[in-house]
Amino acid sequence: MRKYFYLVLLSFLLVWMVGCVPDNNIPIVNTISPLTGQRGQTLDVTITGAYFSGATYINIGSTDVHINSFEVVSSTEILANITIYGTAQLGPKDVIVTTPNGTGTGVKLFTVSGMPSITSISPSSGVQGALVDVTILGEGFYGVTGVSFGSGITIENFQVFSEYVPTMMIVSINISETASLGVRNVTINTTHGIATGSGLFTVTAASTAPVVSSVNPAFGMIGQTLSVSIKGSNFNSNPESISFGSGITVNSFTLISSGEIQANISISSGATLGDRDVSVTIGGLTGVGEDLFNVYTLI
């Protein structure tokens, strides 16, 4: 009888002890749906995980998101209504759930997006016929679906860069040889909106090397200083340099038109006799007229 009494007492004690053991399961935050929201948006989200019973607090993105209300549907699900502040920083946010047993964090589960914007591009110009890699800086390059530089420019490919917040992309463009010259707008299409950078890119004319056709007079004597007229084409800006070869100094030159340059030259007493090439360099490109000038001496 006494043995039976002790067994019953032990059973009651075990049941009491089990009932007194606290539930120490800290919340686990696994997912949130939807995964993204835009600045200024109010929306309902579903947070899933485990051990949500008795949740007293939830947070998304520190101070970027206001929790309007939430309801613990079950130990594995919370429904919340949230408002994303218009000044919220773009990018991924942690989702936090607190219960009497502790706090659980889902790292970077929710992303705040915004209307895309373009701040700068580099390089800001390209010549007709060129293939150029352009770096675009801005904000909100989420879900980019297309890029445009206007007619005559083909987008070969593009890639968005950034570990968390997409603020940079590189676009490979092919500028047609017949693309219209001048300033272009740059447009980026995303799943959240369209960004336009007005007048950020300029199409310039392909540089054409100068053509040197003739020199008048076409000869000069050793020791002589004289003025010559250089004729040709594509003399579109002031030359960077003009050369008649060794022993001849170009003292000065003046651009008369796109087809003529006047130059003053001095032929040294030690200059080599014979025909000379005449070269004109403009815009980094050099045109050469072969055997256009002759150095002579009196016998």
C-alpha atoms as a PDB file:
ATOM      1  CA  MET A   1       0.000   0.000   0.000  1.00  0.00           C
ATOM      2  CA  ARG A   2       2.773   2.409   0.946  1.00  0.00           C
ATOM      3  CA  LYS A   3       4.605   1.505  -2.238  1.00  0.00           C
ATOM      4  CA  TYR A   4       1.512   2.316  -4.280  1.00  0.00           C
ATOM      5  CA  PHE A   5       1.184   5.654  -2.485  1.00  0.00           C
ATOM      6  CA  TYR A   6       4.734   6.651  -3.346  1.00  0.00           C
ATOM      7  CA  LEU A   7       4.261   5.719  -7.003  1.00  0.00           C
ATOM      8  CA  VAL A   8       1.162   7.907  -7.243  1.00  0.00           C
ATOM      9  CA  LEU A   9       2.956  10.763  -5.503  1.00  0.00           C
ATOM     10  CA  LEU A  10       5.934  10.448  -7.838  1.00  0.00           C
ATOM     11  CA  SER A  11       3.637  10.549 -10.861  1.00  0.00           C
ATOM     12  CA  PHE A  12       1.992  13.749  -9.649  1.00  0.00           C
ATOM     13  CA  LEU A  13       5.395  15.323  -9.036  1.00  0.00           C
ATOM     14  CA  LEU A  14       6.573  14.469 -12.539  1.00  0.00           C
ATOM     15  CA  VAL A  15       3.451  15.953 -14.099  1.00  0.00           C
ATOM     16  CA  TRP A  16       3.847  19.096 -12.007  1.00  0.00           C
ATOM     17  CA  MET A  17       7.505  19.476 -12.951  1.00  0.00           C
ATOM     18  CA  VAL A  18       6.794  19.099 -16.641  1.00  0.00           C
ATOM     19  CA  GLY A  19       4.066  21.710 -16.427  1.00  0.00           C
ATOM     20  CA  CYS A  20       6.435  24.116 -14.723  1.00  0.00           C
ATOM     21  CA  VAL A  21       9.161  23.849 -17.391  1.00  0.00           C
ATOM     22  CA  PRO A  22       9.083  27.130 -19.338  1.00  0.00           C
ATOM     23  CA  ASP A  23       8.818  27.238 -23.136  1.00  0.00           C
ATOM     24  CA  ASN A  24      12.250  28.604 -24.100  1.00  0.00           C
ATOM     25  CA  ASN A  25      11.773  28.381 -27.861  1.00  0.00           C
ATOM     26  CA  ILE A  26      13.090  31.618 -29.387  1.00  0.00           C
ATOM     27  CA  PRO A  27      11.204  32.768 -32.508  1.00  0.00           C
ATOM     28  CA  ILE A  28      12.558  31.713 -35.885  1.00  0.00           C
ATOM     29  CA  VAL A  29      11.843  34.027 -38.832  1.00  0.00           C
ATOM     30  CA  ASN A  30      12.048  32.246 -42.186  1.00  0.00           C
ATOM     31  CA  THR A  31      10.203  34.232 -44.854  1.00  0.00           C
ATOM     32  CA  ILE A  32       8.143  37.307 -45.593  1.00  0.00           C
ATOM     33  CA  SER A  33       5.683  37.783 -48.432  1.00  0.00           C
ATOM     34  CA  PRO A  34       5.731  39.866 -50.521  1.00  0.00           C
ATOM     35  CA  LEU A  35       9.509  40.185 -50.611  1.00  0.00           C
ATOM     36  CA  THR A  36       9.583  43.847 -51.669  1.00  0.00           C
ATOM     37  CA  GLY A  37       7.772  47.128 -51.173  1.00  0.00           C
ATOM     38  CA  GLN A  38       8.210  50.645 -52.517  1.00  0.00           C
ATOM     39  CA  ARG A  39       8.867  53.877 -50.678  1.00  0.00           C
ATOM     40  CA  GLY A  40       5.598  55.424 -49.506  1.00  0.00           C
ATOM     41  CA  GLN A  41       3.645  52.191 -49.918  1.00  0.00           C
ATOM     42  CA  THR A  42       1.239  50.673 -47.360  1.00  0.00           C
ATOM     43  CA  LEU A  43       0.784  46.920 -47.699  1.00  0.00           C
ATOM     44  CA  ASP A  44      -0.049  43.675 -45.921  1.00  0.00           C
ATOM     45  CA  VAL A  45       2.757  41.187 -45.359  1.00  0.00           C
ATOM     46  CA  THR A  46       2.850  37.609 -44.107  1.00  0.00           C
ATOM     47  CA  ILE A  47       5.747  36.532 -41.896  1.00  0.00           C
ATOM     48  CA  THR A  48       6.333  32.795 -41.522  1.00  0.00           C
ATOM     49  CA  GLY A  49       8.584  30.861 -39.196  1.00  0.00           C
ATOM     50  CA  ALA A  50       8.214  29.139 -35.834  1.00  0.00           C
ATOM     51  CA  TYR A  51       7.486  29.866 -32.160  1.00  0.00           C
ATOM     52  CA  PHE A  52       5.507  33.067 -32.790  1.00  0.00           C
ATOM     53  CA  SER A  53       2.994  32.439 -29.985  1.00  0.00           C
ATOM     54  CA  GLY A  54       2.577  35.467 -27.747  1.00  0.00           C
ATOM     55  CA  ALA A  55       4.532  37.785 -30.051  1.00  0.00           C
ATOM     56  CA  THR A  56       4.650  41.278 -28.568  1.00  0.00           C
ATOM     57  CA  TYR A  57       6.716  43.143 -31.148  1.00  0.00           C
ATOM     58  CA  ILE A  58       7.758  42.991 -34.790  1.00  0.00           C
ATOM     59  CA  ASN A  59      10.074  45.244 -36.769  1.00  0.00           C
ATOM     60  CA  ILE A  60      11.138  45.568 -40.395  1.00  0.00           C
ATOM     61  CA  GLY A  61      14.142  47.662 -41.355  1.00  0.00           C
ATOM     62  CA  SER A  62      14.697  49.478 -38.070  1.00  0.00           C
ATOM     63  CA  THR A  63      13.189  52.965 -38.564  1.00  0.00           C
ATOM     64  CA  ASP A  64      12.454  52.642 -42.301  1.00  0.00           C
ATOM     65  CA  VAL A  65       9.120  50.835 -41.922  1.00  0.00           C
ATOM     66  CA  HIS A  66       6.192  51.615 -39.627  1.00  0.00           C
ATOM     67  CA  ILE A  67       4.219  48.628 -38.305  1.00  0.00           C
ATOM     68  CA  ASN A  68       0.586  49.771 -38.365  1.00  0.00           C
ATOM     69  CA  SER A  69      -0.765  46.537 -36.878  1.00  0.00           C
ATOM     70  CA  PHE A  70      -0.035  42.836 -36.640  1.00  0.00           C
ATOM     71  CA  GLU A  71      -1.863  39.634 -35.738  1.00  0.00           C
ATOM     72  CA  VAL A  72      -0.402  36.330 -34.608  1.00  0.00           C
ATOM     73  CA  VAL A  73      -2.384  33.878 -36.713  1.00  0.00           C
ATOM     74  CA  SER A  74      -0.554  30.837 -35.373  1.00  0.00           C
ATOM     75  CA  SER A  75       2.765  29.845 -33.902  1.00  0.00           C
ATOM     76  CA  THR A  76       4.157  29.841 -37.449  1.00  0.00           C
ATOM     77  CA  GLU A  77       2.463  32.846 -39.051  1.00  0.00           C
ATOM     78  CA  ILE A  78       2.032  36.573 -38.431  1.00  0.00           C
ATOM     79  CA  LEU A  79       0.000  38.960 -40.560  1.00  0.00           C
ATOM     80  CA  ALA A  80       1.094  42.603 -40.488  1.00  0.00           C
ATOM     81  CA  ASN A  81       0.080  45.863 -42.106  1.00  0.00           C
ATOM     82  CA  ILE A  82       3.069  48.127 -42.744  1.00  0.00           C
ATOM     83  CA  THR A  83       3.867  51.534 -44.219  1.00  0.00           C
ATOM     84  CA  ILE A  84       7.250  52.182 -45.831  1.00  0.00           C
ATOM     85  CA  TYR A  85       8.430  55.725 -45.179  1.00  0.00           C
ATOM     86  CA  GLY A  86       9.117  57.896 -48.198  1.00  0.00           C
ATOM     87  CA  THR A  87      12.614  58.544 -46.855  1.00  0.00           C
ATOM     88  CA  ALA A  88      13.406  54.874 -46.242  1.00  0.00           C
ATOM     89  CA  GLN A  89      16.818  53.749 -47.359  1.00  0.00           C
ATOM     90  CA  LEU A  90      16.652  51.424 -50.328  1.00  0.00           C
ATOM     91  CA  GLY A  91      17.820  47.868 -50.001  1.00  0.00           C
ATOM     92  CA  PRO A  92      17.313  44.696 -47.952  1.00  0.00           C
ATOM     93  CA  LYS A  93      15.949  44.867 -44.395  1.00  0.00           C
ATOM     94  CA  ASP A  94      15.965  42.509 -41.413  1.00  0.00           C
ATOM     95  CA  VAL A  95      12.620  41.187 -40.140  1.00  0.00           C
ATOM     96  CA  ILE A  96      12.401  40.875 -36.337  1.00  0.00           C
ATOM     97  CA  VAL A  97       9.851  39.064 -34.150  1.00  0.00           C
ATOM     98  CA  THR A  98       9.906  39.299 -30.339  1.00  0.00           C
ATOM     99  CA  THR A  99       8.025  37.035 -27.909  1.00  0.00           C
ATOM    100  CA  PRO A 100       8.364  36.576 -24.126  1.00  0.00           C
ATOM    101  CA  ASN A 101      10.953  33.910 -24.920  1.00  0.00           C
ATOM    102  CA  GLY A 102      13.251  36.145 -26.947  1.00  0.00           C
ATOM    103  CA  THR A 103      13.840  37.730 -30.324  1.00  0.00           C
ATOM    104  CA  GLY A 104      14.290  36.093 -33.704  1.00  0.00           C
ATOM    105  CA  THR A 105      15.725  37.835 -36.778  1.00  0.00           C
ATOM    106  CA  GLY A 106      15.343  37.028 -40.447  1.00  0.00           C
ATOM    107  CA  VAL A 107      18.357  38.678 -42.051  1.00  0.00           C
ATOM    108  CA  LYS A 108      17.715  40.797 -45.171  1.00  0.00           C
ATOM    109  CA  LEU A 109      14.375  39.155 -45.971  1.00  0.00           C
ATOM    110  CA  PHE A 110      12.496  42.281 -47.113  1.00  0.00           C
ATOM    111  CA  THR A 111      13.676  44.791 -49.718  1.00  0.00           C
ATOM    112  CA  VAL A 112      12.665  48.450 -49.929  1.00  0.00           C
ATOM    113  CA  SER A 113      12.656  49.621 -53.525  1.00  0.00           C
ATOM    114  CA  GLY A 114      11.968  52.994 -55.074  1.00  0.00           C
ATOM    115  CA  MET A 115      11.572  54.802 -58.358  1.00  0.00           C
ATOM    116  CA  PRO A 116      14.865  54.585 -60.262  1.00  0.00           C
ATOM    117  CA  SER A 117      16.928  57.705 -60.850  1.00  0.00           C
ATOM    118  CA  ILE A 118      20.060  58.515 -62.859  1.00  0.00           C
ATOM    119  CA  THR A 119      22.710  60.848 -61.451  1.00  0.00           C
ATOM    120  CA  SER A 120      25.599  60.540 -63.916  1.00  0.00           C
ATOM    121  CA  ILE A 121      27.116  58.540 -66.753  1.00  0.00           C
ATOM    122  CA  SER A 122      30.695  58.038 -67.918  1.00  0.00           C
ATOM    123  CA  PRO A 123      31.864  58.562 -70.564  1.00  0.00           C
ATOM    124  CA  SER A 124      29.310  61.190 -71.459  1.00  0.00           C
ATOM    125  CA  SER A 125      29.951  61.070 -75.205  1.00  0.00           C
ATOM    126  CA  GLY A 126      30.759  58.689 -78.021  1.00  0.00           C
ATOM    127  CA  VAL A 127      31.600  58.998 -81.704  1.00  0.00           C
ATOM    128  CA  GLN A 128      29.620  57.646 -84.615  1.00  0.00           C
ATOM    129  CA  GLY A 129      30.534  54.034 -85.349  1.00  0.00           C
ATOM    130  CA  ALA A 130      31.971  53.362 -81.892  1.00  0.00           C
ATOM    131  CA  LEU A 131      31.276  50.553 -79.414  1.00  0.00           C
ATOM    132  CA  VAL A 132      31.349  52.080 -75.923  1.00  0.00           C
ATOM    133  CA  ASP A 133      30.960  50.714 -72.388  1.00  0.00           C
ATOM    134  CA  VAL A 134      29.043  53.321 -70.382  1.00  0.00           C
ATOM    135  CA  THR A 135      28.869  53.340 -66.570  1.00  0.00           C
ATOM    136  CA  ILE A 136      25.580  54.669 -65.197  1.00  0.00           C
ATOM    137  CA  LEU A 137      25.283  55.736 -61.551  1.00  0.00           C
ATOM    138  CA  GLY A 138      22.000  56.346 -59.783  1.00  0.00           C
ATOM    139  CA  GLU A 139      19.529  54.681 -57.463  1.00  0.00           C
ATOM    140  CA  GLY A 140      16.839  52.026 -57.505  1.00  0.00           C
ATOM    141  CA  PHE A 141      18.129  49.872 -60.356  1.00  0.00           C
ATOM    142  CA  TYR A 142      15.890  46.972 -59.276  1.00  0.00           C
ATOM    143  CA  GLY A 143      14.494  44.702 -61.972  1.00  0.00           C
ATOM    144  CA  VAL A 144      15.954  46.568 -64.949  1.00  0.00           C
ATOM    145  CA  THR A 145      14.131  45.496 -68.107  1.00  0.00           C
ATOM    146  CA  GLY A 146      15.699  47.814 -70.669  1.00  0.00           C
ATOM    147  CA  VAL A 147      17.958  50.790 -71.395  1.00  0.00           C
ATOM    148  CA  SER A 148      17.737  53.362 -74.190  1.00  0.00           C
ATOM    149  CA  PHE A 149      20.070  56.029 -75.584  1.00  0.00           C
ATOM    150  CA  GLY A 150      17.720  56.987 -78.402  1.00  0.00           C
ATOM    151  CA  SER A 151      17.601  56.143 -82.104  1.00  0.00           C
ATOM    152  CA  GLY A 152      20.763  55.033 -83.827  1.00  0.00           C
ATOM    153  CA  ILE A 153      22.257  53.535 -80.660  1.00  0.00           C
ATOM    154  CA  THR A 154      21.885  49.795 -80.050  1.00  0.00           C
ATOM    155  CA  ILE A 155      22.105  48.342 -76.530  1.00  0.00           C
ATOM    156  CA  GLU A 156      24.353  45.290 -76.857  1.00  0.00           C
ATOM    157  CA  ASN A 157      24.054  44.246 -73.198  1.00  0.00           C
ATOM    158  CA  PHE A 158      23.867  45.647 -69.679  1.00  0.00           C
ATOM    159  CA  GLN A 159      24.721  44.486 -66.173  1.00  0.00           C
ATOM    160  CA  VAL A 160      23.608  45.852 -62.809  1.00  0.00           C
ATOM    161  CA  PHE A 161      26.228  45.935 -60.053  1.00  0.00           C
ATOM    162  CA  SER A 162      25.876  46.148 -56.258  1.00  0.00           C
ATOM    163  CA  GLU A 163      25.894  43.650 -53.450  1.00  0.00           C
ATOM    164  CA  TYR A 164      22.636  44.807 -51.909  1.00  0.00           C
ATOM    165  CA  VAL A 165      21.492  48.187 -53.234  1.00  0.00           C
ATOM    166  CA  PRO A 166      21.772  48.441 -57.048  1.00  0.00           C
ATOM    167  CA  THR A 167      23.214  51.896 -57.748  1.00  0.00           C
ATOM    168  CA  MET A 168      25.510  51.182 -60.702  1.00  0.00           C
ATOM    169  CA  MET A 169      25.205  49.512 -64.058  1.00  0.00           C
ATOM    170  CA  ILE A 170      27.422  49.114 -67.110  1.00  0.00           C
ATOM    171  CA  VAL A 171      25.819  49.303 -70.538  1.00  0.00           C
ATOM    172  CA  SER A 172      27.562  48.313 -73.760  1.00  0.00           C
ATOM    173  CA  ILE A 173      26.283  50.494 -76.610  1.00  0.00           C
ATOM    174  CA  ASN A 174      26.879  50.405 -80.352  1.00  0.00           C
ATOM    175  CA  ILE A 175      26.622  53.834 -81.986  1.00  0.00           C
ATOM    176  CA  SER A 176      25.621  53.660 -85.634  1.00  0.00           C
ATOM    177  CA  GLU A 177      27.820  55.442 -88.163  1.00  0.00           C
ATOM    178  CA  THR A 178      24.683  57.311 -89.228  1.00  0.00           C
ATOM    179  CA  ALA A 179      23.417  58.117 -85.715  1.00  0.00           C
ATOM    180  CA  SER A 180      22.220  61.699 -85.394  1.00  0.00           C
ATOM    181  CA  LEU A 181      24.751  64.013 -83.803  1.00  0.00           C
ATOM    182  CA  GLY A 182      23.970  65.840 -80.587  1.00  0.00           C
ATOM    183  CA  VAL A 183      22.663  65.419 -77.067  1.00  0.00           C
ATOM    184  CA  ARG A 184      20.690  62.326 -76.015  1.00  0.00           C
ATOM    185  CA  ASN A 185      18.495  61.369 -73.078  1.00  0.00           C
ATOM    186  CA  VAL A 186      19.309  58.129 -71.268  1.00  0.00           C
ATOM    187  CA  THR A 187      16.337  56.043 -70.107  1.00  0.00           C
ATOM    188  CA  ILE A 188      16.257  53.045 -67.766  1.00  0.00           C
ATOM    189  CA  ASN A 189      13.120  50.902 -67.528  1.00  0.00           C
ATOM    190  CA  THR A 190      12.601  48.855 -64.356  1.00  0.00           C
ATOM    191  CA  THR A 191       9.775  46.852 -62.839  1.00  0.00           C
ATOM    192  CA  HIS A 192       9.229  49.771 -60.430  1.00  0.00           C
ATOM    193  CA  GLY A 193       9.282  52.668 -62.877  1.00  0.00           C
ATOM    194  CA  ILE A 194      11.232  54.610 -65.487  1.00  0.00           C
ATOM    195  CA  ALA A 195      14.261  56.858 -64.940  1.00  0.00           C
ATOM    196  CA  THR A 196      15.335  59.445 -67.508  1.00  0.00           C
ATOM    197  CA  GLY A 197      18.602  61.368 -67.471  1.00  0.00           C
ATOM    198  CA  SER A 198      18.070  64.393 -69.700  1.00  0.00           C
ATOM    199  CA  GLY A 199      20.937  65.395 -71.989  1.00  0.00           C
ATOM    200  CA  LEU A 200      23.444  63.084 -70.339  1.00  0.00           C
ATOM    201  CA  PHE A 201      25.013  61.618 -73.493  1.00  0.00           C
ATOM    202  CA  THR A 202      26.303  63.235 -76.687  1.00  0.00           C
ATOM    203  CA  VAL A 203      26.934  61.636 -80.065  1.00  0.00           C
ATOM    204  CA  THR A 204      29.879  63.266 -81.823  1.00  0.00           C
ATOM    205  CA  ALA A 205      31.152  63.010 -85.390  1.00  0.00           C
ATOM    206  CA  ALA A 206      33.748  60.411 -86.164  1.00  0.00           C
ATOM    207  CA  SER A 207      37.160  62.022 -86.386  1.00  0.00           C
ATOM    208  CA  THR A 208      38.576  62.068 -89.909  1.00  0.00           C
ATOM    209  CA  ALA A 209      42.276  62.404 -90.525  1.00  0.00           C
ATOM    210  CA  PRO A 210      43.332  65.504 -92.453  1.00  0.00           C
ATOM    211  CA  VAL A 211      44.241  65.020 -96.117  1.00  0.00           C
ATOM    212  CA  VAL A 212      47.318  66.916 -97.399  1.00  0.00           C
ATOM    213  CA  SER A 213      47.129  67.409-101.175  1.00  0.00           C
ATOM    214  CA  SER A 214      49.622  70.105-102.194  1.00  0.00           C
ATOM    215  CA  VAL A 215      52.096  72.755-101.037  1.00  0.00           C
ATOM    216  CA  ASN A 216      52.671  76.072-102.827  1.00  0.00           C
ATOM    217  CA  PRO A 217      55.394  76.939-103.479  1.00  0.00           C
ATOM    218  CA  ALA A 218      56.463  73.325-103.738  1.00  0.00           C
ATOM    219  CA  PHE A 219      60.176  74.009-103.210  1.00  0.00           C
ATOM    220  CA  GLY A 220      62.556  76.042-101.073  1.00  0.00           C
ATOM    221  CA  MET A 221      66.290  76.722-101.016  1.00  0.00           C
ATOM    222  CA  ILE A 222      68.696  75.889 -98.211  1.00  0.00           C
ATOM    223  CA  GLY A 223      68.902  78.814 -95.763  1.00  0.00           C
ATOM    224  CA  GLN A 224      65.614  80.299 -96.951  1.00  0.00           C
ATOM    225  CA  THR A 225      62.638  81.418 -94.818  1.00  0.00           C
ATOM    226  CA  LEU A 226      59.361  81.496 -96.700  1.00  0.00           C
ATOM    227  CA  SER A 227      55.582  81.287 -96.444  1.00  0.00           C
ATOM    228  CA  VAL A 228      53.778  78.330 -97.974  1.00  0.00           C
ATOM    229  CA  SER A 229      50.149  77.409 -98.558  1.00  0.00           C
ATOM    230  CA  ILE A 230      49.169  73.855 -97.636  1.00  0.00           C
ATOM    231  CA  LYS A 231      46.041  72.644 -99.425  1.00  0.00           C
ATOM    232  CA  GLY A 232      43.905  69.625 -98.591  1.00  0.00           C
ATOM    233  CA  SER A 233      40.737  68.690 -96.700  1.00  0.00           C
ATOM    234  CA  ASN A 234      39.409  67.897 -93.210  1.00  0.00           C
ATOM    235  CA  PHE A 235      41.282  70.831 -91.716  1.00  0.00           C
ATOM    236  CA  ASN A 236      38.398  71.147 -89.269  1.00  0.00           C
ATOM    237  CA  SER A 237      40.279  72.768 -86.381  1.00  0.00           C
ATOM    238  CA  ASN A 238      43.626  74.332 -85.584  1.00  0.00           C
ATOM    239  CA  PRO A 239      46.467  71.899 -86.250  1.00  0.00           C
ATOM    240  CA  GLU A 240      48.432  70.542 -83.343  1.00  0.00           C
ATOM    241  CA  SER A 241      51.553  70.275 -85.447  1.00  0.00           C
ATOM    242  CA  ILE A 242      52.899  70.561 -89.000  1.00  0.00           C
ATOM    243  CA  SER A 243      56.093  68.919 -90.191  1.00  0.00           C
ATOM    244  CA  PHE A 244      58.299  69.162 -93.280  1.00  0.00           C
ATOM    245  CA  GLY A 245      60.871  66.730 -91.894  1.00  0.00           C
ATOM    246  CA  SER A 246      64.304  67.230 -90.347  1.00  0.00           C
ATOM    247  CA  GLY A 247      66.163  70.453 -91.082  1.00  0.00           C
ATOM    248  CA  ILE A 248      62.997  72.487 -91.670  1.00  0.00           C
ATOM    249  CA  THR A 249      61.479  74.506 -88.825  1.00  0.00           C
ATOM    250  CA  VAL A 250      57.803  75.465 -88.906  1.00  0.00           C
ATOM    251  CA  ASN A 251      57.874  78.925 -87.323  1.00  0.00           C
ATOM    252  CA  SER A 252      54.117  79.519 -87.343  1.00  0.00           C
ATOM    253  CA  PHE A 253      50.912  78.445 -89.043  1.00  0.00           C
ATOM    254  CA  THR A 254      47.377  79.768 -89.470  1.00  0.00           C
ATOM    255  CA  LEU A 255      44.210  77.860 -90.299  1.00  0.00           C
ATOM    256  CA  ILE A 256      42.593  79.687 -93.223  1.00  0.00           C
ATOM    257  CA  SER A 257      39.765  77.243 -93.925  1.00  0.00           C
ATOM    258  CA  SER A 258      38.918  73.552 -93.782  1.00  0.00           C
ATOM    259  CA  GLY A 259      40.943  73.209 -96.969  1.00  0.00           C
ATOM    260  CA  GLU A 260      43.923  75.535 -96.446  1.00  0.00           C
ATOM    261  CA  ILE A 261      46.667  76.275 -93.909  1.00  0.00           C
ATOM    262  CA  GLN A 262      49.260  79.046 -94.253  1.00  0.00           C
ATOM    263  CA  ALA A 263      52.655  78.254 -92.714  1.00  0.00           C
ATOM    264  CA  ASN A 264      55.966  80.079 -92.318  1.00  0.00           C
ATOM    265  CA  ILE A 265      59.017  77.808 -92.511  1.00  0.00           C
ATOM    266  CA  SER A 266      62.824  78.102 -92.282  1.00  0.00           C
ATOM    267  CA  ILE A 267      65.124  75.698 -94.120  1.00  0.00           C
ATOM    268  CA  SER A 268      68.426  75.185 -92.314  1.00  0.00           C
ATOM    269  CA  SER A 269      71.752  75.254 -94.131  1.00  0.00           C
ATOM    270  CA  GLY A 270      72.273  71.600 -93.237  1.00  0.00           C
ATOM    271  CA  ALA A 271      68.892  70.383 -94.488  1.00  0.00           C
ATOM    272  CA  THR A 272      69.010  67.302 -96.708  1.00  0.00           C
ATOM    273  CA  LEU A 273      68.308  68.018-100.340  1.00  0.00           C
ATOM    274  CA  GLY A 274      65.417  66.385-102.144  1.00  0.00           C
ATOM    275  CA  ASP A 275      61.727  65.711-101.784  1.00  0.00           C
ATOM    276  CA  ARG A 276      59.963  65.904 -98.426  1.00  0.00           C
ATOM    277  CA  ASP A 277      56.712  64.567 -97.002  1.00  0.00           C
ATOM    278  CA  VAL A 278      54.456  67.173 -95.393  1.00  0.00           C
ATOM    279  CA  SER A 279      52.339  66.077 -92.416  1.00  0.00           C
ATOM    280  CA  VAL A 280      49.488  67.825 -90.608  1.00  0.00           C
ATOM    281  CA  THR A 281      48.141  66.600 -87.247  1.00  0.00           C
ATOM    282  CA  ILE A 282      44.643  67.611 -86.116  1.00  0.00           C
ATOM    283  CA  GLY A 283      42.698  66.056 -83.256  1.00  0.00           C
ATOM    284  CA  GLY A 284      45.343  63.403 -82.739  1.00  0.00           C
ATOM    285  CA  LEU A 285      45.057  62.208 -86.349  1.00  0.00           C
ATOM    286  CA  THR A 286      47.801  62.810 -88.887  1.00  0.00           C
ATOM    287  CA  GLY A 287      47.552  63.223 -92.631  1.00  0.00           C
ATOM    288  CA  VAL A 288      50.669  62.903 -94.790  1.00  0.00           C
ATOM    289  CA  GLY A 289      51.255  64.283 -98.277  1.00  0.00           C
ATOM    290  CA  GLU A 290      54.141  62.373 -99.825  1.00  0.00           C
ATOM    291  CA  ASP A 291      56.944  64.184-101.706  1.00  0.00           C
ATOM    292  CA  LEU A 292      55.057  67.495-101.788  1.00  0.00           C
ATOM    293  CA  PHE A 293      58.003  69.795-100.998  1.00  0.00           C
ATOM    294  CA  ASN A 294      61.517  69.888-102.426  1.00  0.00           C
ATOM    295  CA  VAL A 295      64.675  71.317-100.814  1.00  0.00           C
ATOM    296  CA  TYR A 296      67.285  72.500-103.313  1.00  0.00           C
ATOM    297  CA  THR A 297      70.475  74.526-103.477  1.00  0.00           C
ATOM    298  CA  LEU A 298      72.209  76.565-106.153  1.00  0.00           C
ATOM    299  CA  ILE A 299      75.106  74.819-107.862  1.00  0.00           C
END
